[in-house]
């Protein structure tokens, strides 16, 4: 079974917003065995919308549209729906009631006439109640193809997808099962991994596919299979994944949707009754943000200092000013001192310190742009490395984060 996603909105095409809706919809559909064949982004334009709907029917059994349902004149998705289905707009009293409720309950005022126009829906549509907004979703069918229109506001669309669209798709369509299992690895590039596991990968059954999904400093290895028997698919993929895991055990972190690098770090720290602190210069708090995304991180995470300016490394963190003067602020000795002082200040067992020049200018340092020093202070001492991560600021910061967590995980695992 194939689906197509159409996102409506000039703001996507001019880069004003990023289309996260399509990624979410694709994941939700994939969970129930629906394969997304194409994703299309189009303008708030009548001819463009009608053409996209007409073309999608040649490719998909299910067409999902987001956007263009607002109260302003440029939101024309409903009108295009009516034209495509040879239908007319009618007022839905339940939607009117809901709009009035939202305005009286949350805004303490009456809705404008333009807001009430959102209660105008195609007469043939099944209305999908949008408890989080004023624009309802719509489910329509034509020539055995289902068309679903949803608001473009992400949290409204997500609620409709989970609570109404997915259950209706499950009831409407007979679907094959799709099963994915993804192993997270850290610290080895995809070419090196392929060299290690290539012989095994070439012998995989034809219905099981291996994908390498690289990002900066890490590679996800995904096994996928599709077929009519869900339990058999899981059995076969899990067996192959066990073989794969054994081949890359030294770089394996865990399985996606079950754990992440920072989650695994937290698990190990709690198992060992140890704590972590951070001294972030060039990463500017990015490491702390990643650590604290996990509920319960307060059990092991003590805190962080972000001594972005050189003088703060001495006045707040307590690094010897003469050490900085002698070795340069971006240096192994300074990174090591930062990590060790972080453990002292926060009374932690492990600490990460980062100092570097992310660019585009050199700032306080004299080193080449992209130079980063990372140190990990442990109960047994301190380890450190110096890197050259290129000249693109965002990549330098992301590579620094990935490498810092890789180094920390390695040291905690030794404990």
Protein backbone atom coordinates (compact mmCIF):
# COMPACT_ATOMS: atom_id res chain seq x y z
CA UNK A 1 0.00 0.00 0.00
CA UNK A 2 1.34 3.42 -1.01
CA UNK A 3 0.74 6.88 0.40
CA UNK A 4 1.62 10.37 -0.77
CA UNK A 5 2.06 13.45 1.42
CA UNK A 6 1.31 16.93 0.08
CA UNK A 7 2.30 19.96 2.15
CA UNK A 8 0.66 23.24 1.20
CA UNK A 9 2.27 26.59 1.99
CA UNK A 10 4.50 29.21 0.44
CA UNK A 11 6.35 29.45 3.78
CA UNK A 12 7.82 25.99 3.18
CA UNK A 13 8.95 26.76 -0.36
CA UNK A 14 10.73 30.00 0.61
CA UNK A 15 12.49 28.33 3.53
CA UNK A 16 10.66 30.30 6.21
CA UNK A 17 9.76 27.09 8.05
CA UNK A 18 11.04 23.53 7.90
CA UNK A 19 8.59 20.80 6.91
CA UNK A 20 8.63 18.53 9.96
CA UNK A 21 5.07 17.35 9.32
CA UNK A 22 6.07 15.01 6.51
CA UNK A 23 8.70 13.28 8.64
CA UNK A 24 6.20 12.67 11.42
CA UNK A 25 3.47 11.43 9.08
CA UNK A 26 5.91 9.09 7.33
CA UNK A 27 7.00 7.53 10.60
CA UNK A 28 3.45 7.01 11.79
CA UNK A 29 2.39 5.43 8.50
CA UNK A 30 5.44 3.21 8.39
CA UNK A 31 4.54 1.80 11.80
CA UNK A 32 1.31 0.39 10.37
CA UNK A 33 2.77 -0.93 7.12
CA UNK A 34 2.01 2.00 4.81
CA UNK A 35 4.87 3.01 2.53
CA UNK A 36 5.21 6.67 1.58
CA UNK A 37 5.93 6.81 -2.13
CA UNK A 38 6.33 10.57 -2.57
CA UNK A 39 6.34 13.82 -0.60
CA UNK A 40 5.39 17.02 -2.44
CA UNK A 41 5.47 20.63 -1.25
CA UNK A 42 3.33 23.09 -3.18
CA UNK A 43 2.22 26.72 -3.15
CA UNK A 44 -1.04 28.14 -1.81
CA UNK A 45 -2.27 28.17 -5.39
CA UNK A 46 -5.51 26.72 -6.78
CA UNK A 47 -4.05 25.23 -9.96
CA UNK A 48 -1.05 23.83 -8.12
CA UNK A 49 -3.20 22.18 -5.44
CA UNK A 50 -5.63 20.68 -7.97
CA UNK A 51 -2.76 19.37 -10.10
CA UNK A 52 -1.08 17.79 -7.07
CA UNK A 53 -4.30 16.03 -6.04
CA UNK A 54 -4.89 14.79 -9.58
CA UNK A 55 -1.35 13.50 -10.00
CA UNK A 56 -1.29 11.81 -6.58
CA UNK A 57 -4.22 9.56 -7.48
CA UNK A 58 -2.03 7.90 -10.11
CA UNK A 59 0.56 6.92 -7.51
CA UNK A 60 -1.08 6.36 -4.14
CA UNK A 61 -3.95 4.70 -2.30
CA UNK A 62 -3.84 7.31 0.46
CA UNK A 63 -3.15 11.02 0.00
CA UNK A 64 -2.51 13.18 3.07
CA UNK A 65 -2.50 16.97 2.79
CA UNK A 66 -1.38 19.40 5.49
CA UNK A 67 -1.79 23.17 5.48
CA UNK A 68 -4.01 25.75 3.85
CA UNK A 69 -6.88 25.43 6.36
CA UNK A 70 -6.47 28.73 8.20
CA UNK A 71 -8.98 31.59 8.44
CA UNK A 72 -7.26 33.92 5.96
CA UNK A 73 -7.94 34.35 2.24
CA UNK A 74 -4.73 32.63 1.17
CA UNK A 75 -5.89 29.36 2.79
CA UNK A 76 -7.73 27.68 -0.07
CA UNK A 77 -7.33 23.94 0.49
CA UNK A 78 -11.04 23.44 1.34
CA UNK A 79 -12.18 25.28 -1.76
CA UNK A 80 -9.84 23.15 -3.87
CA UNK A 81 -11.16 20.01 -2.20
CA UNK A 82 -14.67 21.02 -3.18
CA UNK A 83 -13.65 21.64 -6.79
CA UNK A 84 -11.73 18.36 -6.98
CA UNK A 85 -14.65 16.37 -5.57
CA UNK A 86 -17.36 18.44 -7.32
CA UNK A 87 -18.72 19.34 -3.90
CA UNK A 88 -19.89 22.42 -1.99
CA UNK A 89 -19.11 23.88 1.40
CA UNK A 90 -21.63 23.55 4.22
CA UNK A 91 -21.52 24.74 7.80
CA UNK A 92 -20.87 22.04 10.37
CA UNK A 93 -22.67 22.93 13.63
CA UNK A 94 -20.32 20.87 15.78
CA UNK A 95 -17.31 22.75 14.43
CA UNK A 96 -19.11 26.05 15.06
CA UNK A 97 -19.77 24.98 18.63
CA UNK A 98 -16.14 23.98 19.10
CA UNK A 99 -14.82 27.29 17.73
CA UNK A 100 -17.13 29.24 20.04
CA UNK A 101 -15.97 27.14 22.98
CA UNK A 102 -12.29 27.71 22.25
CA UNK A 103 -12.69 31.48 21.96
CA UNK A 104 -14.83 31.85 25.08
CA UNK A 105 -12.74 29.47 27.18
CA UNK A 106 -9.23 30.54 26.19
CA UNK A 107 -9.54 34.06 24.79
CA UNK A 108 -12.64 35.37 26.60
CA UNK A 109 -14.04 36.85 23.41
CA UNK A 110 -16.19 35.99 20.43
CA UNK A 111 -14.65 34.58 17.26
CA UNK A 112 -14.40 36.77 14.20
CA UNK A 113 -16.50 35.91 11.14
CA UNK A 114 -13.32 34.68 9.47
CA UNK A 115 -12.77 32.22 12.32
CA UNK A 116 -16.28 30.86 11.96
CA UNK A 117 -15.65 30.30 8.26
CA UNK A 118 -13.44 27.42 9.34
CA UNK A 119 -16.65 25.57 10.15
CA UNK A 120 -17.41 25.54 6.41
CA UNK A 121 -16.50 22.05 5.19
CA UNK A 122 -17.18 19.95 2.06
CA UNK A 123 -20.57 18.28 2.37
CA UNK A 124 -19.17 14.83 1.50
CA UNK A 125 -16.36 14.96 4.04
CA UNK A 126 -16.06 12.93 7.22
CA UNK A 127 -15.07 15.58 9.76
CA UNK A 128 -12.06 14.86 11.98
CA UNK A 129 -12.52 16.75 15.24
CA UNK A 130 -9.52 18.97 16.00
CA UNK A 131 -9.57 19.38 19.78
CA UNK A 132 -6.40 21.49 19.67
CA UNK A 133 -7.47 24.09 17.09
CA UNK A 134 -10.27 25.64 15.08
CA UNK A 135 -9.64 23.97 11.69
CA UNK A 136 -11.13 20.47 11.46
CA UNK A 137 -9.54 17.65 9.53
CA UNK A 138 -11.39 16.13 6.58
CA UNK A 139 -11.54 12.58 5.21
CA UNK A 140 -12.86 12.14 1.66
CA UNK A 141 -12.90 9.25 -0.80
CA UNK A 142 -12.91 9.12 -4.58
CA UNK A 143 -12.34 6.13 -6.88
CA UNK A 144 -11.17 3.95 -3.95
CA UNK A 145 -8.53 6.53 -2.99
CA UNK A 146 -8.66 8.25 0.39
CA UNK A 147 -7.77 11.92 0.72
CA UNK A 148 -7.15 13.35 4.18
CA UNK A 149 -6.71 17.06 4.82
CA UNK A 150 -5.20 18.22 8.13
CA UNK A 151 -4.07 21.54 9.60
CA UNK A 152 -0.44 22.48 9.04
CA UNK A 153 0.13 23.38 12.70
CA UNK A 154 2.32 20.47 13.87
CA UNK A 155 0.76 19.75 17.26
CA UNK A 156 -2.75 19.85 15.76
CA UNK A 157 -1.77 17.57 12.90
CA UNK A 158 0.01 15.09 15.20
CA UNK A 159 -2.99 14.75 17.46
CA UNK A 160 -5.29 14.13 14.47
CA UNK A 161 -2.89 11.56 13.01
CA UNK A 162 -2.53 9.58 16.23
CA UNK A 163 -6.12 9.75 17.46
CA UNK A 164 -8.17 9.59 14.26
CA UNK A 165 -6.33 9.17 10.96
CA UNK A 166 -4.18 6.15 11.88
CA UNK A 167 -7.10 4.16 13.37
CA UNK A 168 -9.24 4.93 10.31
CA UNK A 169 -6.46 3.87 7.92
CA UNK A 170 -6.03 0.61 9.84
CA UNK A 171 -9.75 -0.09 9.55
CA UNK A 172 -9.99 0.93 5.88
CA UNK A 173 -6.95 -0.73 4.28
CA UNK A 174 -5.39 -4.17 4.21
CA UNK A 175 -1.70 -3.53 4.77
CA UNK A 176 1.50 -5.58 4.73
CA UNK A 177 3.71 -5.54 7.80
CA UNK A 178 6.91 -3.49 7.75
CA UNK A 179 9.49 -4.16 10.44
CA UNK A 180 12.61 -2.11 11.10
CA UNK A 181 15.30 -2.57 13.69
CA UNK A 182 18.10 -0.04 13.96
CA UNK A 183 21.40 -0.42 15.78
CA UNK A 184 23.22 2.72 16.91
CA UNK A 185 27.00 2.75 16.54
CA UNK A 186 29.51 5.37 17.57
CA UNK A 187 33.05 6.26 16.60
CA UNK A 188 33.52 4.42 13.28
CA UNK A 189 32.70 5.58 9.75
CA UNK A 190 30.33 3.75 7.43
CA UNK A 191 33.12 2.63 5.07
CA UNK A 192 35.04 0.99 7.92
CA UNK A 193 31.87 -0.66 9.19
CA UNK A 194 31.00 -1.94 5.71
CA UNK A 195 34.50 -3.39 5.40
CA UNK A 196 33.91 -5.29 8.61
CA UNK A 197 30.39 -6.60 7.94
CA UNK A 198 30.30 -6.65 4.13
CA UNK A 199 30.46 -10.43 3.69
CA UNK A 200 27.56 -10.95 6.10
CA UNK A 201 25.52 -8.17 4.48
CA UNK A 202 25.86 -9.72 1.00
CA UNK A 203 24.38 -12.99 2.31
CA UNK A 204 21.24 -11.44 3.80
CA UNK A 205 17.92 -12.88 2.54
CA UNK A 206 16.47 -10.82 -0.31
CA UNK A 207 13.52 -9.59 1.72
CA UNK A 208 15.79 -8.16 4.44
CA UNK A 209 17.55 -4.92 3.56
CA UNK A 210 20.48 -3.27 5.33
CA UNK A 211 20.82 0.51 5.29
CA UNK A 212 23.75 2.60 6.53
CA UNK A 213 22.49 5.90 7.98
CA UNK A 214 25.55 8.03 8.79
CA UNK A 215 25.72 11.33 10.65
CA UNK A 216 28.62 13.16 12.22
CA UNK A 217 30.57 10.64 14.29
CA UNK A 218 27.90 7.95 14.34
CA UNK A 219 26.23 5.45 12.01
CA UNK A 220 22.83 3.81 12.36
CA UNK A 221 22.56 0.32 10.88
CA UNK A 222 18.94 -0.45 9.95
CA UNK A 223 17.53 -3.81 8.97
CA UNK A 224 14.14 -3.68 7.25
CA UNK A 225 11.73 -6.35 6.05
CA UNK A 226 8.20 -6.35 4.62
CA UNK A 227 5.73 -9.20 4.37
CA UNK A 228 2.37 -10.67 5.42
CA UNK A 229 3.52 -12.41 8.62
CA UNK A 230 4.58 -9.92 11.30
CA UNK A 231 5.86 -12.46 13.82
CA UNK A 232 7.97 -14.20 11.18
CA UNK A 233 9.44 -10.88 10.03
CA UNK A 234 10.43 -9.95 13.56
CA UNK A 235 11.91 -13.36 14.19
CA UNK A 236 14.08 -13.22 11.07
CA UNK A 237 15.20 -9.59 11.48
CA UNK A 238 15.96 -10.02 15.18
CA UNK A 239 18.07 -13.10 14.42
CA UNK A 240 20.08 -11.23 11.77
CA UNK A 241 20.41 -8.24 14.10
CA UNK A 242 21.91 -10.47 16.79
CA UNK A 243 24.57 -11.52 14.31
CA UNK A 244 25.22 -7.91 13.31
CA UNK A 245 25.41 -6.73 16.91
CA UNK A 246 28.05 -9.34 17.71
CA UNK A 247 30.16 -8.17 14.75
CA UNK A 248 30.17 -4.52 15.86
CA UNK A 249 29.83 -4.97 19.61
CA UNK A 250 32.78 -2.68 20.38
CA UNK A 251 31.04 0.32 18.75
CA UNK A 252 27.40 -0.57 19.42
CA UNK A 253 25.44 1.69 21.76
CA UNK A 254 21.98 0.19 21.63
CA UNK A 255 18.87 0.07 19.53
CA UNK A 256 17.06 3.13 18.24
CA UNK A 257 13.76 3.82 20.05
CA UNK A 258 15.19 1.88 22.98
CA UNK A 259 18.23 3.96 23.83
CA UNK A 260 20.57 6.69 22.63
CA UNK A 261 24.19 7.52 23.36
CA UNK A 262 23.30 10.01 26.09
CA UNK A 263 20.66 7.69 27.51
CA UNK A 264 23.22 4.89 27.67
CA UNK A 265 25.65 7.25 29.40
CA UNK A 266 22.97 8.01 31.98
CA UNK A 267 22.22 4.33 32.53
CA UNK A 268 25.88 3.54 33.16
CA UNK A 269 26.32 6.48 35.51
CA UNK A 270 23.33 5.38 37.57
CA UNK A 271 24.49 1.76 37.61
CA UNK A 272 27.87 2.91 38.93
CA UNK A 273 26.39 5.55 41.27
CA UNK A 274 28.51 8.20 39.56
CA UNK A 275 27.81 11.78 38.53
CA UNK A 276 28.64 14.03 35.60
CA UNK A 277 29.40 17.73 35.11
CA UNK A 278 30.30 19.78 32.06
CA UNK A 279 32.63 22.67 31.23
CA UNK A 280 31.55 23.80 27.79
CA UNK A 281 33.30 26.53 25.88
CA UNK A 282 32.93 26.03 22.15
CA UNK A 283 29.77 23.91 22.50
CA UNK A 284 28.04 26.66 24.47
CA UNK A 285 25.65 24.46 26.45
CA UNK A 286 24.77 22.02 23.67
CA UNK A 287 26.07 19.05 25.67
CA UNK A 288 23.95 20.01 28.67
CA UNK A 289 20.87 20.35 26.52
CA UNK A 290 21.39 16.86 25.12
CA UNK A 291 21.95 15.33 28.57
CA UNK A 292 18.90 16.93 30.14
CA UNK A 293 16.46 15.82 27.44
CA UNK A 294 16.21 12.54 29.36
CA UNK A 295 13.80 12.30 32.29
CA UNK A 296 15.64 11.41 35.47
CA UNK A 297 18.95 12.98 34.40
CA UNK A 298 19.02 14.89 37.69
CA UNK A 299 20.03 11.60 39.31
CA UNK A 300 23.48 11.79 37.74
CA UNK A 301 23.90 15.21 36.11
CA UNK A 302 25.30 17.83 38.51
CA UNK A 303 25.49 20.92 36.31
CA UNK A 304 27.64 22.86 33.89
CA UNK A 305 29.70 25.97 33.43
CA UNK A 306 29.84 27.71 30.06
CA UNK A 307 33.01 29.81 30.27
CA UNK A 308 32.76 31.11 26.72
CA UNK A 309 35.07 34.08 27.37
CA UNK A 310 38.65 33.22 28.27
CA UNK A 311 38.65 35.21 31.52
CA UNK A 312 35.72 33.16 32.83
CA UNK A 313 37.78 30.01 32.57
CA UNK A 314 39.98 31.47 35.30
CA UNK A 315 37.55 33.60 37.35
CA UNK A 316 34.66 31.11 37.52
CA UNK A 317 36.06 27.70 36.63
CA UNK A 318 39.43 28.28 38.32
CA UNK A 319 41.82 27.36 35.50
CA UNK A 320 45.32 28.81 36.10
CA UNK A 321 45.74 31.94 33.95
CA UNK A 322 49.44 31.14 33.47
CA UNK A 323 48.49 27.75 31.99
CA UNK A 324 46.32 29.49 29.42
CA UNK A 325 49.03 32.05 28.67
CA UNK A 326 51.62 29.32 28.20
CA UNK A 327 49.64 26.82 26.10
CA UNK A 328 46.83 28.90 24.46
CA UNK A 329 43.17 28.73 25.43
CA UNK A 330 42.55 26.03 22.80
CA UNK A 331 44.98 23.36 23.96
CA UNK A 332 45.10 19.95 25.57
CA UNK A 333 46.44 21.27 28.93
CA UNK A 334 43.65 23.83 29.20
CA UNK A 335 40.96 21.32 28.24
CA UNK A 336 42.27 18.88 30.85
CA UNK A 337 42.37 21.59 33.50
CA UNK A 338 38.80 22.62 32.65
CA UNK A 339 37.56 19.05 33.06
CA UNK A 340 39.39 18.53 36.32
CA UNK A 341 38.18 21.85 37.73
CA UNK A 342 34.63 20.98 36.73
CA UNK A 343 34.81 17.85 38.86
CA UNK A 344 36.08 19.96 41.76
CA UNK A 345 33.49 22.73 41.41
CA UNK A 346 30.53 20.37 41.01
CA UNK A 347 31.88 17.52 43.15
CA UNK A 348 31.25 15.15 40.25
CA UNK A 349 32.94 11.90 39.26
CA UNK A 350 33.12 12.48 35.50
CA UNK A 351 33.40 15.70 33.54
CA UNK A 352 33.53 16.72 29.89
CA UNK A 353 35.40 19.87 28.87
CA UNK A 354 35.38 21.41 25.40
CA UNK A 355 37.48 24.29 24.15
CA UNK A 356 37.89 25.21 20.52
CA UNK A 357 37.30 27.61 17.66
CA UNK A 358 34.04 26.87 15.88
CA UNK A 359 34.40 29.87 13.56
CA UNK A 360 33.88 31.77 11.41
CA UNK A 361 36.45 33.95 13.29
CA UNK A 362 39.17 32.89 15.70
CA UNK A 363 37.87 34.78 18.74
CA UNK A 364 40.21 34.48 21.73
CA UNK A 365 42.24 31.59 20.34
CA UNK A 366 45.21 31.46 18.02
CA UNK A 367 44.59 27.98 16.67
CA UNK A 368 43.18 27.20 13.24
CA UNK A 369 39.41 27.49 12.84
CA UNK A 370 37.85 24.09 13.53
CA UNK A 371 40.44 23.13 16.14
CA UNK A 372 38.82 21.56 19.20
CA UNK A 373 40.25 20.00 22.34
CA UNK A 374 38.10 17.64 24.38
CA UNK A 375 38.98 16.28 27.80
CA UNK A 376 37.25 13.72 29.99
CA UNK A 377 38.05 13.80 33.71
CA UNK A 378 37.38 10.48 35.45
CA UNK A 379 37.91 9.13 38.97
CA UNK A 380 41.14 7.62 37.68
CA UNK A 381 42.58 10.62 35.83
CA UNK A 382 41.98 12.58 32.65
CA UNK A 383 42.07 11.69 28.96
CA UNK A 384 42.03 14.16 26.09
CA UNK A 385 42.26 14.50 22.33
CA UNK A 386 42.76 17.31 19.84
CA UNK A 387 40.74 17.46 16.62
CA UNK A 388 40.40 19.48 13.44
CA UNK A 389 36.70 19.49 12.53
CA UNK A 390 36.67 21.78 9.48
CA UNK A 391 35.49 25.34 8.98
CA UNK A 392 31.67 25.06 9.06
CA UNK A 393 30.52 26.27 12.47
CA UNK A 394 27.47 24.03 12.82
CA UNK A 395 29.43 20.94 11.84
CA UNK A 396 32.26 21.77 14.21
CA UNK A 397 29.85 22.03 17.13
CA UNK A 398 27.96 18.86 16.19
CA UNK A 399 31.17 16.87 15.66
CA UNK A 400 32.46 18.10 19.01
CA UNK A 401 29.28 16.93 20.74
CA UNK A 402 29.39 13.51 19.11
CA UNK A 403 33.07 12.97 19.83
CA UNK A 404 32.74 14.18 23.43
CA UNK A 405 29.94 11.73 24.15
CA UNK A 406 31.85 8.95 22.41
CA UNK A 407 34.90 9.60 24.59
CA UNK A 408 32.81 9.81 27.76
CA UNK A 409 30.97 6.59 26.99
CA UNK A 410 34.26 4.82 26.41
CA UNK A 411 35.67 5.99 29.75
CA UNK A 412 32.55 5.19 31.76
CA UNK A 413 32.46 1.72 30.19
CA UNK A 414 35.98 1.08 31.47
CA UNK A 415 34.98 1.82 35.05
